[in-house]
Amino acid sequence: MKRFGYWHDPLCLLCCGLYALNRWVVKPHVNSPFMHGQFNDCLLIPCALPLVLWMQRRLGLRDHDGFPTAGENLFHVVVWSILFEAIGPHIMRVTGDVRDVVAYAAGGLVAWWWWRSREQAVHEL
């Protein structure tokens, strides 16, 4: 079985770069509701899930080094949606928004597709 790259997975690195580019270059100069609101939310799963899975593996909470499963992906989309959009607005000065949940899910779906494709390509070799 091919090992998942965790924090050095190409999708993770690309999305972290896109996050930084949007946050510090694009958003200050572009007046787009999507780029200011949901673009970075779409990057949550591909940026954060590899790091969380790496930490879980180091703590013994994850028993394999394979690519993220559909269950891991979905679980984290649900947990982060509840945390950031339902609980967060009650303890921080933020607003819960269903569009953010859709963005988390969309980014998670694309990431899952990418990781499945890479995993299948490795098995075909």
Protein backbone atom coordinates (compact mmCIF):
# COMPACT_ATOMS: atom_id res chain seq x y z
CA MET A 1 0.00 0.00 0.00
CA LYS A 2 1.27 3.46 -0.93
CA ARG A 3 1.76 5.73 2.05
CA PHE A 4 -0.16 8.99 2.16
CA GLY A 5 2.12 12.03 2.17
CA TYR A 6 0.24 13.82 4.99
CA TRP A 7 1.59 17.38 5.19
CA HIS A 8 3.73 16.97 2.07
CA ASP A 9 0.89 15.60 -0.07
CA PRO A 10 0.85 17.59 -3.36
CA LEU A 11 -2.81 18.59 -2.95
CA CYS A 12 -2.19 19.79 0.60
CA LEU A 13 0.82 21.85 -0.48
CA LEU A 14 -1.01 23.32 -3.48
CA CYS A 15 -4.07 24.28 -1.43
CA CYS A 16 -1.98 25.78 1.38
CA GLY A 17 -0.23 27.89 -1.26
CA LEU A 18 -3.59 28.93 -2.75
CA TYR A 19 -4.84 29.83 0.73
CA ALA A 20 -1.82 32.08 1.36
CA LEU A 21 -2.05 33.62 -2.10
CA ASN A 22 -5.73 34.42 -1.65
CA ARG A 23 -5.36 35.72 1.89
CA TRP A 24 -2.40 38.04 1.32
CA VAL A 25 -2.44 38.84 -2.41
CA VAL A 26 -5.88 38.38 -3.96
CA LYS A 27 -8.32 39.46 -1.22
CA PRO A 28 -6.75 42.89 -0.62
CA HIS A 29 -7.06 43.72 -4.33
CA VAL A 30 -10.18 41.89 -5.52
CA ASN A 31 -13.73 42.70 -4.51
CA SER A 32 -15.26 39.26 -4.97
CA PRO A 33 -17.69 37.83 -2.39
CA PHE A 34 -16.55 34.28 -3.24
CA MET A 35 -12.84 35.07 -2.84
CA HIS A 36 -13.54 36.89 0.43
CA GLY A 37 -15.99 34.33 1.76
CA GLN A 38 -15.94 30.79 0.46
CA PHE A 39 -12.73 30.27 -1.53
CA ASN A 40 -10.58 29.62 1.54
CA ASP A 41 -13.40 27.53 3.04
CA CYS A 42 -13.16 25.23 0.00
CA LEU A 43 -9.52 24.65 0.94
CA LEU A 44 -10.22 23.58 4.54
CA ILE A 45 -10.26 19.81 3.96
CA PRO A 46 -7.32 19.58 1.55
CA CYS A 47 -5.23 21.89 3.78
CA ALA A 48 -6.18 20.75 7.26
CA LEU A 49 -7.18 17.08 6.99
CA PRO A 50 -3.68 15.83 6.07
CA LEU A 51 -2.22 17.64 9.09
CA VAL A 52 -4.91 16.34 11.44
CA LEU A 53 -4.50 12.78 10.15
CA TRP A 54 -0.73 13.06 10.60
CA MET A 55 -1.23 14.15 14.22
CA GLN A 56 -3.74 11.35 14.78
CA ARG A 57 -1.25 8.83 13.36
CA ARG A 58 1.52 10.11 15.64
CA LEU A 59 -0.81 9.86 18.66
CA GLY A 60 -1.87 6.34 17.73
CA LEU A 61 -5.43 7.36 16.89
CA ARG A 62 -5.05 6.36 13.23
CA ASP A 63 -3.83 2.84 12.50
CA HIS A 64 -2.65 3.20 8.89
CA ASP A 65 -0.72 5.52 6.58
CA GLY A 66 -3.09 5.12 3.64
CA PHE A 67 -4.85 7.90 1.83
CA PRO A 68 -7.77 9.53 3.69
CA THR A 69 -10.91 7.40 3.57
CA ALA A 70 -14.36 8.68 2.67
CA GLY A 71 -15.34 8.23 6.32
CA GLU A 72 -12.41 10.30 7.60
CA ASN A 73 -13.17 12.99 5.07
CA LEU A 74 -16.90 13.12 5.86
CA PHE A 75 -16.32 12.96 9.61
CA HIS A 76 -14.04 15.99 9.52
CA VAL A 77 -16.38 17.97 7.23
CA VAL A 78 -19.20 17.37 9.74
CA VAL A 79 -17.09 18.10 12.84
CA TRP A 80 -15.58 21.27 11.43
CA SER A 81 -18.95 22.45 10.12
CA ILE A 82 -20.48 22.06 13.58
CA LEU A 83 -17.48 23.60 15.28
CA PHE A 84 -17.05 26.60 12.98
CA GLU A 85 -20.63 27.30 11.92
CA ALA A 86 -22.79 26.21 14.87
CA ILE A 87 -20.63 26.45 18.01
CA GLY A 88 -18.18 29.14 16.88
CA PRO A 89 -20.74 31.94 16.56
CA HIS A 90 -21.74 31.41 20.21
CA ILE A 91 -18.22 31.79 21.59
CA MET A 92 -16.49 34.09 19.08
CA ARG A 93 -17.40 37.15 17.05
CA VAL A 94 -18.14 35.22 13.84
CA THR A 95 -21.27 34.43 11.87
CA GLY A 96 -22.39 30.91 11.02
CA ASP A 97 -23.13 30.51 7.33
CA VAL A 98 -24.52 27.50 5.47
CA ARG A 99 -22.54 28.57 2.38
CA ASP A 100 -19.38 27.86 4.36
CA VAL A 101 -20.61 24.33 5.09
CA VAL A 102 -21.28 23.83 1.37
CA ALA A 103 -17.75 25.08 0.64
CA TYR A 104 -16.22 22.68 3.20
CA ALA A 105 -18.18 19.82 1.64
CA ALA A 106 -17.28 20.81 -1.93
CA GLY A 107 -13.59 21.08 -1.06
CA GLY A 108 -13.81 17.78 0.79
CA LEU A 109 -15.44 16.08 -2.20
CA VAL A 110 -12.78 17.35 -4.61
CA ALA A 111 -10.01 16.35 -2.19
CA TRP A 112 -11.51 12.88 -1.72
CA TRP A 113 -11.74 12.44 -5.51
CA TRP A 114 -8.11 13.56 -5.91
CA TRP A 115 -6.83 11.24 -3.18
CA ARG A 116 -8.87 8.28 -4.54
CA SER A 117 -7.47 8.92 -8.02
CA ARG A 118 -3.89 9.01 -6.72
CA GLU A 119 -4.43 5.89 -4.65
CA GLN A 120 -5.88 4.01 -7.64
CA ALA A 121 -3.04 5.16 -9.89
CA VAL A 122 -0.54 3.78 -7.39
CA HIS A 123 -2.33 0.41 -7.31
CA GLU A 124 -2.30 0.20 -11.12
CA LEU A 125 1.50 0.45 -11.26
